[in-house]
C-alpha atoms as a PDB file:
ATOM      1  CA  MET A   1       0.041  -0.063   0.062  1.00  0.00           C
ATOM      2  CA  ALA A   2       1.387   3.409  -0.988  1.00  0.00           C
ATOM      3  CA  THR A   3       2.065   6.216   1.565  1.00  0.00           C
ATOM      4  CA  GLN A   4       0.368   9.621   1.345  1.00  0.00           C
ATOM      5  CA  ASN A   5       3.558  11.089   0.031  1.00  0.00           C
ATOM      6  CA  GLU A   6       3.901   8.687  -2.891  1.00  0.00           C
ATOM      7  CA  LYS A   7       0.226   9.127  -3.763  1.00  0.00           C
ATOM      8  CA  ILE A   8       0.684  12.956  -4.330  1.00  0.00           C
ATOM      9  CA  GLY A   9       4.223  12.897  -5.534  1.00  0.00           C
ATOM     10  CA  VAL A  10       5.830  14.684  -2.861  1.00  0.00           C
ATOM     11  CA  VAL A  11       9.532  14.002  -2.004  1.00  0.00           C
ATOM     12  CA  PRO A  12      10.223  15.411   1.520  1.00  0.00           C
ATOM     13  CA  ASP A  13      13.673  17.126   1.131  1.00  0.00           C
ATOM     14  CA  GLY A  14      14.183  16.011  -2.488  1.00  0.00           C
ATOM     15  CA  ILE A  15      15.568  17.693  -5.417  1.00  0.00           C
ATOM     16  CA  GLY A  16      12.869  20.429  -5.716  1.00  0.00           C
ATOM     17  CA  ALA A  17      13.302  21.473  -2.038  1.00  0.00           C
ATOM     18  CA  ARG A  18      17.103  21.820  -2.610  1.00  0.00           C
ATOM     19  CA  ARG A  19      16.615  23.962  -5.637  1.00  0.00           C
ATOM     20  CA  LYS A  20      14.274  26.253  -3.763  1.00  0.00           C
ATOM     21  CA  ARG A  21      16.633  26.509  -0.889  1.00  0.00           C
ATOM     22  CA  ASP A  22      19.573  27.236  -3.324  1.00  0.00           C
ATOM     23  CA  ALA A  23      17.494  30.010  -5.050  1.00  0.00           C
ATOM     24  CA  ILE A  24      16.643  31.584  -1.834  1.00  0.00           C
ATOM     25  CA  GLN A  25      20.363  31.594  -0.696  1.00  0.00           C
ATOM     26  CA  ILE A  26      21.448  33.168  -4.162  1.00  0.00           C
ATOM     27  CA  VAL A  27      18.769  35.868  -3.797  1.00  0.00           C
ATOM     28  CA  ALA A  28      19.825  36.496  -0.137  1.00  0.00           C
ATOM     29  CA  GLY A  29      23.379  36.730  -1.159  1.00  0.00           C
ATOM     30  CA  ILE A  30      22.782  39.240  -4.063  1.00  0.00           C
ATOM     31  CA  ALA A  31      20.773  41.306  -1.652  1.00  0.00           C
ATOM     32  CA  LEU A  32      23.462  41.364   0.988  1.00  0.00           C
ATOM     33  CA  CYS A  33      26.022  42.540  -1.688  1.00  0.00           C
ATOM     34  CA  LEU A  34      23.794  45.307  -2.880  1.00  0.00           C
ATOM     35  CA  CYS A  35      23.225  46.543   0.724  1.00  0.00           C
ATOM     36  CA  ALA A  36      27.026  46.539   1.452  1.00  0.00           C
ATOM     37  CA  LEU A  37      27.851  48.266  -1.844  1.00  0.00           C
ATOM     38  CA  ALA A  38      25.099  50.985  -1.490  1.00  0.00           C
ATOM     39  CA  PRO A  39      26.332  54.353  -0.276  1.00  0.00           C
ATOM     40  CA  THR A  40      24.589  55.707   2.772  1.00  0.00           C
ATOM     41  CA  GLU A  41      25.089  59.389   1.993  1.00  0.00           C
ATOM     42  CA  ALA A  42      25.419  61.217  -1.193  1.00  0.00           C
ATOM     43  CA  TYR A  43      26.933  64.814  -1.415  1.00  0.00           C
ATOM     44  CA  ALA A  44      25.734  65.844  -4.681  1.00  0.00           C
ATOM     45  CA  TYR A  45      23.905  68.959  -6.121  1.00  0.00           C
ATOM     46  CA  LEU A  46      20.886  68.464  -8.174  1.00  0.00           C
ATOM     47  CA  ASP A  47      20.107  71.394 -10.327  1.00  0.00           C
ATOM     48  CA  PRO A  48      16.812  72.127 -12.152  1.00  0.00           C
ATOM     49  CA  GLY A  49      18.312  70.540 -15.306  1.00  0.00           C
ATOM     50  CA  THR A  50      18.256  67.024 -13.486  1.00  0.00           C
ATOM     51  CA  GLY A  51      14.603  67.380 -12.631  1.00  0.00           C
ATOM     52  CA  SER A  52      13.816  68.444 -16.192  1.00  0.00           C
ATOM     53  CA  PHE A  53      15.743  65.565 -17.637  1.00  0.00           C
ATOM     54  CA  ALA A  54      13.958  63.096 -15.461  1.00  0.00           C
ATOM     55  CA  LEU A  55      10.535  64.649 -16.465  1.00  0.00           C
ATOM     56  CA  GLN A  56      11.629  64.315 -19.992  1.00  0.00           C
ATOM     57  CA  GLY A  57      12.312  60.637 -19.665  1.00  0.00           C
ATOM     58  CA  LEU A  58       9.072  60.009 -18.038  1.00  0.00           C
ATOM     59  CA  ILE A  59       7.200  61.943 -20.751  1.00  0.00           C
ATOM     60  CA  ALA A  60       8.990  59.975 -23.420  1.00  0.00           C
ATOM     61  CA  GLY A  61       8.368  56.467 -21.787  1.00  0.00           C
ATOM     62  CA  VAL A  62       4.542  57.329 -21.394  1.00  0.00           C
ATOM     63  CA  ALA A  63       4.481  58.574 -25.190  1.00  0.00           C
ATOM     64  CA  GLY A  64       6.390  55.639 -26.248  1.00  0.00           C
ATOM     65  CA  GLY A  65       4.044  53.223 -24.484  1.00  0.00           C
ATOM     66  CA  VAL A  66       1.007  54.942 -25.782  1.00  0.00           C
ATOM     67  CA  LEU A  67       2.413  54.741 -29.405  1.00  0.00           C
ATOM     68  CA  SER A  68       3.124  51.033 -29.038  1.00  0.00           C
ATOM     69  CA  ILE A  69      -0.249  50.229 -27.546  1.00  0.00           C
ATOM     70  CA  ARG A  70      -1.803  52.253 -30.493  1.00  0.00           C
ATOM     71  CA  THR A  71       0.447  50.464 -33.182  1.00  0.00           C
ATOM     72  CA  TYR A  72      -0.251  46.933 -31.973  1.00  0.00           C
ATOM     73  CA  TRP A  73      -3.941  47.442 -30.738  1.00  0.00           C
ATOM     74  CA  ARG A  74      -5.191  44.982 -33.167  1.00  0.00           C
ATOM     75  CA  ARG A  75      -2.870  42.250 -32.032  1.00  0.00           C
ATOM     76  CA  ILE A  76      -3.445  43.021 -28.336  1.00  0.00           C
ATOM     77  CA  GLY A  77      -7.139  42.888 -28.719  1.00  0.00           C
ATOM     78  CA  GLY A  78      -6.939  39.801 -30.837  1.00  0.00           C
ATOM     79  CA  LEU A  79      -5.559  37.946 -27.781  1.00  0.00           C
ATOM     80  CA  PHE A  80      -8.670  38.440 -25.908  1.00  0.00           C
ATOM     81  CA  ARG A  81     -11.269  38.230 -28.740  1.00  0.00           C
ATOM     82  CA  ARG A  82     -12.870  35.254 -30.040  1.00  0.00           C
ATOM     83  CA  LYS A  83     -12.569  34.370 -33.790  1.00  0.00           C
ATOM     84  CA  THR A  84     -15.697  33.801 -35.758  1.00  0.00           C
ATOM     85  CA  SER A  85     -16.073  31.631 -38.671  1.00  0.00           C
ATOM     86  CA  SER A  86     -15.880  34.718 -41.040  1.00  0.00           C
ATOM     87  CA  GLU A  87     -12.477  35.658 -39.361  1.00  0.00           C
ATOM     88  CA  THR A  88     -10.773  32.467 -39.981  1.00  0.00           C
ATOM     89  CA  TRP A  89      -8.324  31.908 -42.932  1.00  0.00           C
ATOM     90  CA  SER A  90     -10.028  30.721 -45.929  1.00  0.00           C
ATOM     91  CA  GLY A  91      -6.909  29.609 -47.726  1.00  0.00           C
ATOM     92  CA  SER A  92      -6.967  32.094 -50.577  1.00  0.00           C
ATOM     93  CA  TRP A  93      -6.432  35.817 -50.945  1.00  0.00           C
ATOM     94  CA  PRO A  94      -9.580  37.914 -51.815  1.00  0.00           C
ATOM     95  CA  GLU A  95     -10.136  38.989 -55.540  1.00  0.00           C
ATOM     96  CA  ARG A  96      -8.560  42.559 -56.284  1.00  0.00           C
ATOM     97  CA  PRO A  97     -11.211  44.746 -57.834  1.00  0.00           C
ATOM     98  CA  PRO A  98     -10.288  46.023 -61.507  1.00  0.00           C
ATOM     99  CA  SER A  99      -8.685  49.317 -61.732  1.00  0.00           C
ATOM    100  CA  GLY A 100     -10.355  52.023 -63.751  1.00  0.00           C
ATOM    101  CA  GLY A 101      -7.603  53.237 -66.201  1.00  0.00           C
ATOM    102  CA  ASP A 102      -4.852  50.691 -66.130  1.00  0.00           C
ATOM    103  CA  ALA A 103      -4.947  48.232 -69.109  1.00  0.00           C
END
């Protein structure tokens, strides 16, 4: 008869637990290094040009995001829209209407 751990596929302190523990140790080590290297006091002068540069970057980021969403709106909306039978690919291109003056 199988035990409860074998039924649900859990290995106590197996490979998955070790990977999780290793990942936590790596993240903790990186955080500790960043805290040790971070300066505690900064003696710097921030003039008005610094603020306008930061504001310019913020405005550019928002404008770029809006432009990207506007450009790819049909693709983004297509992810959430259900396809009807008329929207599926029929396998051939539609006929081009004849032009008036070209012959």
